Amino acid sequence: MLDRKAYAKIHILLKQKGIDDDMYREILISNFGVNSSKNLNYYQFVKLLNILEGKFNSNLISRKQKDYINRLLAKMNINNKEKYISRIINRQIGSIEELTKREAAIVINALLRYVKRHEETK
C-alpha cells in the first residue's frame, strides 16, 4: 500500500495536468485494471507517475522476451499457464506488460530453472 505522500503526488500531477476524475479513472482502468490508486502496488504507482508526467519507458519488456516466456511456458506441464505466470508477476510487478527488460530476464531465468528441473526428473 502506498503512503499519503504518494497519493498526494498523484493528485498534484492530476491538478497540474488538468485531468478530471473521470479521465483519471479511465487511465487507472485501462492501464492497471483498477478504479482507485489505493489498489496499485509500488511498480504500478511508478508507471502511473510516468504516464501522468508524459514519460514512457523504452526499457519495457521486448517482444522477443514475451515470446520466449511464452515458449518456456508451453514446455511446462501447467494447466493454466496464463494464471501461473500472472501470479508470479503480479506478486512483484503487476502485469507482464509492466516488466522491464531486466525484470523479464529474471522471470525467464526462473522459468528456465523450472523447465530444466522438471526435464531432469523425467
C-alpha atoms as a PDB file:
ATOM      1  CA  MET A   1       0.000   0.000   0.000  1.00  0.00           C
ATOM      2  CA  LEU A   2       1.223   3.464  -0.844  1.00  0.00           C
ATOM      3  CA  ASP A   3       1.681   6.204   1.719  1.00  0.00           C
ATOM      4  CA  ARG A   4      -0.072   9.591   1.869  1.00  0.00           C
ATOM      5  CA  LYS A   5       2.806  11.342   0.107  1.00  0.00           C
ATOM      6  CA  ALA A   6       2.427   9.044  -2.898  1.00  0.00           C
ATOM      7  CA  TYR A   7      -1.298   9.759  -3.178  1.00  0.00           C
ATOM      8  CA  ALA A   8      -0.603  13.471  -2.779  1.00  0.00           C
ATOM      9  CA  LYS A   9       1.930  13.348  -5.608  1.00  0.00           C
ATOM     10  CA  ILE A  10      -0.630  11.708  -7.890  1.00  0.00           C
ATOM     11  CA  HIS A  11      -3.261  14.327  -7.117  1.00  0.00           C
ATOM     12  CA  ILE A  12      -0.821  17.214  -7.545  1.00  0.00           C
ATOM     13  CA  LEU A  13       0.071  15.889 -11.004  1.00  0.00           C
ATOM     14  CA  LEU A  14      -3.610  15.477 -11.851  1.00  0.00           C
ATOM     15  CA  LYS A  15      -4.258  19.136 -10.992  1.00  0.00           C
ATOM     16  CA  GLN A  16      -1.180  20.327 -12.884  1.00  0.00           C
ATOM     17  CA  LYS A  17      -2.198  18.391 -15.998  1.00  0.00           C
ATOM     18  CA  GLY A  18      -5.866  19.370 -15.717  1.00  0.00           C
ATOM     19  CA  ILE A  19      -7.038  15.755 -15.632  1.00  0.00           C
ATOM     20  CA  ASP A  20     -10.573  15.373 -14.272  1.00  0.00           C
ATOM     21  CA  ASP A  21     -11.759  12.471 -12.124  1.00  0.00           C
ATOM     22  CA  ASP A  22     -13.447  10.605 -14.995  1.00  0.00           C
ATOM     23  CA  MET A  23     -10.315  10.731 -17.135  1.00  0.00           C
ATOM     24  CA  TYR A  24      -8.188   9.673 -14.151  1.00  0.00           C
ATOM     25  CA  ARG A  25     -10.421   6.631 -13.526  1.00  0.00           C
ATOM     26  CA  GLU A  26     -10.171   5.738 -17.221  1.00  0.00           C
ATOM     27  CA  ILE A  27      -6.349   5.870 -17.004  1.00  0.00           C
ATOM     28  CA  LEU A  28      -6.418   3.576 -13.961  1.00  0.00           C
ATOM     29  CA  ILE A  29      -8.838   1.094 -15.520  1.00  0.00           C
ATOM     30  CA  SER A  30      -7.192   0.938 -18.947  1.00  0.00           C
ATOM     31  CA  ASN A  31      -3.625   0.645 -17.648  1.00  0.00           C
ATOM     32  CA  PHE A  32      -3.989  -1.260 -14.382  1.00  0.00           C
ATOM     33  CA  GLY A  33      -7.491  -2.746 -14.253  1.00  0.00           C
ATOM     34  CA  VAL A  34      -8.365  -0.858 -11.056  1.00  0.00           C
ATOM     35  CA  ASN A  35     -10.527   2.183 -10.406  1.00  0.00           C
ATOM     36  CA  SER A  36      -8.652   3.522  -7.397  1.00  0.00           C
ATOM     37  CA  SER A  37      -4.991   4.312  -6.802  1.00  0.00           C
ATOM     38  CA  LYS A  38      -5.347   2.552  -3.444  1.00  0.00           C
ATOM     39  CA  ASN A  39      -5.247  -0.741  -5.367  1.00  0.00           C
ATOM     40  CA  LEU A  40      -1.894  -0.017  -7.025  1.00  0.00           C
ATOM     41  CA  ASN A  41       1.360  -1.638  -5.999  1.00  0.00           C
ATOM     42  CA  TYR A  42       4.596   0.345  -5.997  1.00  0.00           C
ATOM     43  CA  TYR A  43       5.580  -0.542  -9.568  1.00  0.00           C
ATOM     44  CA  GLN A  44       2.154   0.410 -10.870  1.00  0.00           C
ATOM     45  CA  PHE A  45       2.399   3.682  -8.937  1.00  0.00           C
ATOM     46  CA  VAL A  46       5.705   4.484 -10.658  1.00  0.00           C
ATOM     47  CA  LYS A  47       4.191   3.665 -14.046  1.00  0.00           C
ATOM     48  CA  LEU A  48       1.193   5.893 -13.274  1.00  0.00           C
ATOM     49  CA  LEU A  49       3.534   8.766 -12.410  1.00  0.00           C
ATOM     50  CA  ASN A  50       5.359   8.237 -15.697  1.00  0.00           C
ATOM     51  CA  ILE A  51       2.069   8.285 -17.588  1.00  0.00           C
ATOM     52  CA  LEU A  52       0.927  11.451 -15.833  1.00  0.00           C
ATOM     53  CA  GLU A  53       4.301  13.126 -16.398  1.00  0.00           C
ATOM     54  CA  GLY A  54       4.268  12.101 -20.057  1.00  0.00           C
ATOM     55  CA  LYS A  55       7.295   9.841 -19.706  1.00  0.00           C
ATOM     56  CA  PHE A  56       7.286   6.414 -21.264  1.00  0.00           C
ATOM     57  CA  ASN A  57       9.803   3.722 -20.508  1.00  0.00           C
ATOM     58  CA  SER A  58      11.602   2.367 -23.556  1.00  0.00           C
ATOM     59  CA  ASN A  59      13.164  -0.179 -21.226  1.00  0.00           C
ATOM     60  CA  LEU A  60       9.956  -2.230 -21.031  1.00  0.00           C
ATOM     61  CA  ILE A  61       9.885  -5.916 -21.903  1.00  0.00           C
ATOM     62  CA  SER A  62      10.644  -6.627 -25.556  1.00  0.00           C
ATOM     63  CA  ARG A  63       8.514  -8.698 -27.928  1.00  0.00           C
ATOM     64  CA  LYS A  64      11.321 -11.310 -28.062  1.00  0.00           C
ATOM     65  CA  GLN A  65      11.290 -11.645 -24.279  1.00  0.00           C
ATOM     66  CA  LYS A  66       7.490 -12.045 -24.227  1.00  0.00           C
ATOM     67  CA  ASP A  67       7.704 -14.691 -26.960  1.00  0.00           C
ATOM     68  CA  TYR A  68      10.484 -16.533 -25.116  1.00  0.00           C
ATOM     69  CA  ILE A  69       8.478 -16.534 -21.878  1.00  0.00           C
ATOM     70  CA  ASN A  70       5.507 -17.945 -23.785  1.00  0.00           C
ATOM     71  CA  ARG A  71       7.688 -20.684 -25.341  1.00  0.00           C
ATOM     72  CA  LEU A  72       9.028 -21.636 -21.904  1.00  0.00           C
ATOM     73  CA  LEU A  73       5.504 -21.752 -20.525  1.00  0.00           C
ATOM     74  CA  ALA A  74       4.495 -24.016 -23.402  1.00  0.00           C
ATOM     75  CA  LYS A  75       7.187 -26.510 -22.305  1.00  0.00           C
ATOM     76  CA  MET A  76       5.785 -26.599 -18.792  1.00  0.00           C
ATOM     77  CA  ASN A  77       3.017 -29.030 -17.917  1.00  0.00           C
ATOM     78  CA  ILE A  78       0.777 -26.482 -16.245  1.00  0.00           C
ATOM     79  CA  ASN A  79      -2.947 -26.389 -16.967  1.00  0.00           C
ATOM     80  CA  ASN A  80      -3.480 -22.630 -16.846  1.00  0.00           C
ATOM     81  CA  LYS A  81      -0.227 -21.026 -17.971  1.00  0.00           C
ATOM     82  CA  GLU A  82      -1.684 -17.503 -18.067  1.00  0.00           C
ATOM     83  CA  LYS A  83      -2.799 -17.740 -14.451  1.00  0.00           C
ATOM     84  CA  TYR A  84       0.523 -19.284 -13.387  1.00  0.00           C
ATOM     85  CA  ILE A  85       2.687 -16.531 -14.874  1.00  0.00           C
ATOM     86  CA  SER A  86       0.263 -13.834 -13.762  1.00  0.00           C
ATOM     87  CA  ARG A  87       0.532 -14.971 -10.144  1.00  0.00           C
ATOM     88  CA  ILE A  88       4.328 -14.872 -10.296  1.00  0.00           C
ATOM     89  CA  ILE A  89       4.475 -11.453 -11.910  1.00  0.00           C
ATOM     90  CA  ASN A  90       1.566  -9.867 -10.025  1.00  0.00           C
ATOM     91  CA  ARG A  91       3.277 -10.528  -6.719  1.00  0.00           C
ATOM     92  CA  GLN A  92       6.101  -8.213  -7.660  1.00  0.00           C
ATOM     93  CA  ILE A  93       5.241  -6.048 -10.649  1.00  0.00           C
ATOM     94  CA  GLY A  94       1.609  -6.082 -11.683  1.00  0.00           C
ATOM     95  CA  SER A  95       1.463  -7.486 -15.182  1.00  0.00           C
ATOM     96  CA  ILE A  96       3.761  -8.778 -17.898  1.00  0.00           C
ATOM     97  CA  GLU A  97       3.297  -5.531 -19.831  1.00  0.00           C
ATOM     98  CA  GLU A  98       4.854  -3.616 -16.929  1.00  0.00           C
ATOM     99  CA  LEU A  99       8.028  -5.698 -16.738  1.00  0.00           C
ATOM    100  CA  THR A 100      11.292  -4.011 -17.565  1.00  0.00           C
ATOM    101  CA  LYS A 101      13.804  -5.894 -19.678  1.00  0.00           C
ATOM    102  CA  ARG A 102      15.815  -6.665 -16.540  1.00  0.00           C
ATOM    103  CA  GLU A 103      12.758  -7.977 -14.666  1.00  0.00           C
ATOM    104  CA  ALA A 104      11.771 -10.045 -17.702  1.00  0.00           C
ATOM    105  CA  ALA A 105      15.253 -11.589 -17.696  1.00  0.00           C
ATOM    106  CA  ILE A 106      14.754 -12.594 -14.047  1.00  0.00           C
ATOM    107  CA  VAL A 107      11.397 -14.215 -14.876  1.00  0.00           C
ATOM    108  CA  ILE A 108      12.953 -16.008 -17.862  1.00  0.00           C
ATOM    109  CA  ASN A 109      15.784 -17.374 -15.691  1.00  0.00           C
ATOM    110  CA  ALA A 110      13.293 -18.615 -13.100  1.00  0.00           C
ATOM    111  CA  LEU A 111      11.236 -20.351 -15.791  1.00  0.00           C
ATOM    112  CA  LEU A 112      14.379 -21.887 -17.325  1.00  0.00           C
ATOM    113  CA  ARG A 113      15.360 -23.324 -13.937  1.00  0.00           C
ATOM    114  CA  TYR A 114      11.844 -24.739 -13.553  1.00  0.00           C
ATOM    115  CA  VAL A 115      11.895 -26.324 -17.020  1.00  0.00           C
ATOM    116  CA  LYS A 116      15.386 -27.823 -16.505  1.00  0.00           C
ATOM    117  CA  ARG A 117      14.489 -29.165 -13.073  1.00  0.00           C
ATOM    118  CA  HIS A 118      11.369 -30.890 -14.402  1.00  0.00           C
ATOM    119  CA  GLU A 119      13.116 -32.240 -17.515  1.00  0.00           C
ATOM    120  CA  GLU A 120      15.773 -33.887 -15.314  1.00  0.00           C
ATOM    121  CA  THR A 121      13.129 -35.724 -13.281  1.00  0.00           C
ATOM    122  CA  LYS A 122      11.558 -37.313 -16.376  1.00  0.00           C
END
